[in-house]
């Protein structure tokens, strides 16, 4: 019981169908790329805003644990800590 595959020799893409198929795929891709890049930029802004929002509670907790002295500025080992009482409720 031998099965035979019926393959037509003339069933390949014609020279017109191939660029047409590529164009059908390329046009929606070209329309979606700006949307995806703007969504990525918006996501990065959201992440940045959330990180900045977390800095205030972190500094409050740090100053509460270290006798109301703010952390030193990076790169200046000799700068004294300052009292940090302006952000309390």
Protein backbone atom coordinates (compact mmCIF):
# COMPACT_ATOMS: atom_id res chain seq x y z
CA UNK A 1 0.00 0.00 0.00
CA UNK A 2 1.99 2.83 -1.27
CA UNK A 3 0.77 6.39 -0.89
CA UNK A 4 1.62 8.87 -3.52
CA UNK A 5 1.83 12.59 -2.96
CA UNK A 6 0.17 14.64 -5.59
CA UNK A 7 2.53 17.56 -6.04
CA UNK A 8 2.00 19.85 -8.93
CA UNK A 9 5.14 21.23 -10.40
CA UNK A 10 3.56 24.59 -11.21
CA UNK A 11 2.37 25.40 -7.68
CA UNK A 12 5.26 27.73 -6.69
CA UNK A 13 4.83 31.46 -6.19
CA UNK A 14 4.77 33.57 -9.30
CA UNK A 15 7.07 36.60 -9.55
CA UNK A 16 4.11 38.89 -8.82
CA UNK A 17 2.76 36.99 -5.81
CA UNK A 18 6.02 37.06 -3.84
CA UNK A 19 6.44 40.89 -3.61
CA UNK A 20 2.71 41.22 -3.05
CA UNK A 21 2.90 38.85 -0.10
CA UNK A 22 5.86 40.73 1.33
CA UNK A 23 4.01 44.04 0.94
CA UNK A 24 0.93 42.64 2.70
CA UNK A 25 3.11 41.75 5.68
CA UNK A 26 5.27 44.90 5.59
CA UNK A 27 2.47 47.49 5.55
CA UNK A 28 0.85 46.47 8.88
CA UNK A 29 4.30 46.04 10.41
CA UNK A 30 5.23 49.59 9.37
CA UNK A 31 2.01 50.87 10.91
CA UNK A 32 2.58 49.03 14.20
CA UNK A 33 6.23 49.97 14.82
CA UNK A 34 5.56 53.62 15.85
CA UNK A 35 2.78 52.46 18.16
CA UNK A 36 5.08 49.94 19.82
CA UNK A 37 7.89 52.47 20.28
CA UNK A 38 5.53 55.02 21.85
CA UNK A 39 4.18 52.33 24.18
CA UNK A 40 7.75 51.46 25.19
CA UNK A 41 8.53 55.12 25.90
CA UNK A 42 5.36 55.46 28.00
CA UNK A 43 6.30 52.34 29.97
CA UNK A 44 9.77 53.77 30.64
CA UNK A 45 8.22 57.03 31.89
CA UNK A 46 5.92 55.07 34.20
CA UNK A 47 8.82 53.07 35.63
CA UNK A 48 10.80 56.26 36.18
CA UNK A 49 7.88 58.00 37.91
CA UNK A 50 7.34 55.02 40.20
CA UNK A 51 11.03 54.91 41.09
CA UNK A 52 11.00 58.63 41.93
CA UNK A 53 7.86 58.14 44.01
CA UNK A 54 9.65 55.52 46.10
CA UNK A 55 12.64 57.76 46.89
CA UNK A 56 10.69 59.92 49.37
CA UNK A 57 9.53 57.03 51.62
CA UNK A 58 13.01 55.50 51.45
CA UNK A 59 14.64 58.75 52.59
CA UNK A 60 12.04 59.13 55.35
CA UNK A 61 12.70 55.65 56.68
CA UNK A 62 16.45 56.17 56.48
CA UNK A 63 16.32 59.47 58.34
CA UNK A 64 13.99 58.02 60.98
CA UNK A 65 16.42 55.16 61.59
CA UNK A 66 19.49 57.43 61.70
CA UNK A 67 18.43 60.17 64.15
CA UNK A 68 16.87 62.50 61.56
CA UNK A 69 20.11 62.85 59.56
CA UNK A 70 19.77 62.67 55.79
CA UNK A 71 22.10 60.38 53.85
CA UNK A 72 25.27 61.92 52.50
CA UNK A 73 25.57 63.00 48.92
CA UNK A 74 27.42 60.40 46.84
CA UNK A 75 30.97 61.42 46.00
CA UNK A 76 31.42 63.74 48.99
CA UNK A 77 32.66 61.75 51.97
CA UNK A 78 33.44 64.85 54.04
CA UNK A 79 30.01 66.51 53.73
CA UNK A 80 28.10 66.36 57.02
CA UNK A 81 24.60 64.96 57.15
CA UNK A 82 21.86 67.54 57.54
CA UNK A 83 18.76 67.51 59.68
CA UNK A 84 15.86 66.35 57.60
CA UNK A 85 12.63 67.40 59.23
CA UNK A 86 10.81 69.22 56.45
CA UNK A 87 8.99 66.21 55.03
CA UNK A 88 7.30 64.85 58.12
CA UNK A 89 3.54 64.82 58.50
